[in-house]
Structures are given as C-alpha cells and as structure tokens.
C-alpha cells in the first residue's frame, strides 16, 4: 500500500495555525495580505502580484515587497503563539 496521497497532520496543523494568524492581523494588514494572496492566484493583465498591489496603492514594487514581508513576519509571530 502506498501512502503518497496521505496528508501529514503536522503540515495541516501548520496551515491551520497560519490561517488563524492571518485572521488575527489588524484589519488593514489582513486586507492587504488577502489582496496579495488573490493576486498570486489570478492573472492581472500579465502583472505580478507585487505590481498589482503597487498599482492599487500607488506605491513602488519595493515598498509592496517590504510591506508583504512585514505582514508575513507578523503572521509567523502570531502563528507561534
């Protein structure tokens, strides 16, 4: 019997912790991060997710990258709790 399709419970718990952490973010950061996640999933006129957010908020791609990295750090910290 092969277990190739078995989901690791530890991996599932980590995803659950991360999802819970995202819900604990301040509302502004949560909305930005959700827009980023959706931009990663859908194509936006051939633009990268960072470019989509840069256009949406009128800021540079570097500022978007720093913002997303900061939010991602917040998520990691919240998921450790």
Protein backbone atom coordinates (compact mmCIF):
# COMPACT_ATOMS: atom_id res chain seq x y z
CA UNK A 1 0.00 0.00 0.00
CA UNK A 2 1.31 3.42 -0.96
CA UNK A 3 0.93 6.46 1.26
CA UNK A 4 1.81 9.05 -1.41
CA UNK A 5 -1.57 10.75 -1.08
CA UNK A 6 -1.62 10.83 2.72
CA UNK A 7 -1.64 14.33 4.17
CA UNK A 8 0.80 14.90 7.00
CA UNK A 9 -1.17 16.03 10.08
CA UNK A 10 1.69 18.30 11.16
CA UNK A 11 1.52 20.09 7.82
CA UNK A 12 -2.24 20.51 8.16
CA UNK A 13 -1.82 21.94 11.66
CA UNK A 14 0.82 24.41 10.43
CA UNK A 15 -1.52 25.63 7.69
CA UNK A 16 -4.31 25.97 10.26
CA UNK A 17 -2.07 27.99 12.59
CA UNK A 18 -1.07 30.25 9.69
CA UNK A 19 -4.69 30.73 8.64
CA UNK A 20 -5.67 31.56 12.24
CA UNK A 21 -2.76 34.01 12.45
CA UNK A 22 -3.89 35.79 9.29
CA UNK A 23 -7.33 36.25 10.87
CA UNK A 24 -5.66 37.84 13.95
CA UNK A 25 -3.89 40.51 11.89
CA UNK A 26 -5.07 44.10 12.19
CA UNK A 27 -7.83 44.67 9.62
CA UNK A 28 -5.70 46.80 7.26
CA UNK A 29 -2.86 44.28 7.09
CA UNK A 30 -5.31 41.40 6.76
CA UNK A 31 -6.98 43.03 3.75
CA UNK A 32 -3.65 43.82 2.09
CA UNK A 33 -2.46 40.26 2.60
CA UNK A 34 -5.69 38.79 1.23
CA UNK A 35 -5.42 41.00 -1.86
CA UNK A 36 -1.85 39.76 -2.25
CA UNK A 37 -2.92 36.12 -1.95
CA UNK A 38 -5.68 36.57 -4.53
CA UNK A 39 -3.23 38.35 -6.84
CA UNK A 40 -0.95 35.33 -6.58
CA UNK A 41 -3.79 33.08 -7.73
CA UNK A 42 -5.27 35.11 -10.57
CA UNK A 43 -3.58 36.76 -13.50
CA UNK A 44 -3.85 40.51 -13.59
CA UNK A 45 -3.15 41.70 -17.10
CA UNK A 46 0.19 39.91 -17.01
CA UNK A 47 1.32 41.78 -13.90
CA UNK A 48 2.98 40.21 -10.89
CA UNK A 49 1.17 40.27 -7.53
CA UNK A 50 3.64 42.92 -6.33
CA UNK A 51 2.93 45.08 -9.39
CA UNK A 52 -0.82 44.70 -8.88
CA UNK A 53 -0.56 45.94 -5.29
CA UNK A 54 1.85 48.72 -6.28
CA UNK A 55 -0.68 49.95 -8.86
CA UNK A 56 -3.58 49.57 -6.43
CA UNK A 57 -1.91 51.52 -3.60
CA UNK A 58 0.16 53.91 -5.73
CA UNK A 59 3.47 52.83 -4.21
CA UNK A 60 6.63 51.21 -5.56
CA UNK A 61 7.14 47.49 -6.00
CA UNK A 62 9.92 47.62 -3.39
CA UNK A 63 7.54 49.21 -0.89
CA UNK A 64 5.00 46.48 -1.59
CA UNK A 65 7.62 43.77 -1.11
CA UNK A 66 8.69 45.29 2.22
CA UNK A 67 5.05 45.60 3.30
CA UNK A 68 4.27 41.96 2.44
CA UNK A 69 7.44 40.73 4.15
CA UNK A 70 6.47 42.72 7.26
CA UNK A 71 2.97 41.25 7.25
CA UNK A 72 4.39 37.78 6.68
CA UNK A 73 6.64 38.28 9.74
CA UNK A 74 3.56 39.28 11.76
CA UNK A 75 1.80 36.10 10.60
CA UNK A 76 4.76 33.95 11.60
CA UNK A 77 4.88 35.57 15.03
CA UNK A 78 1.14 35.13 15.59
CA UNK A 79 1.23 31.51 14.46
CA UNK A 80 3.90 30.72 17.07
CA UNK A 81 1.54 31.75 19.88
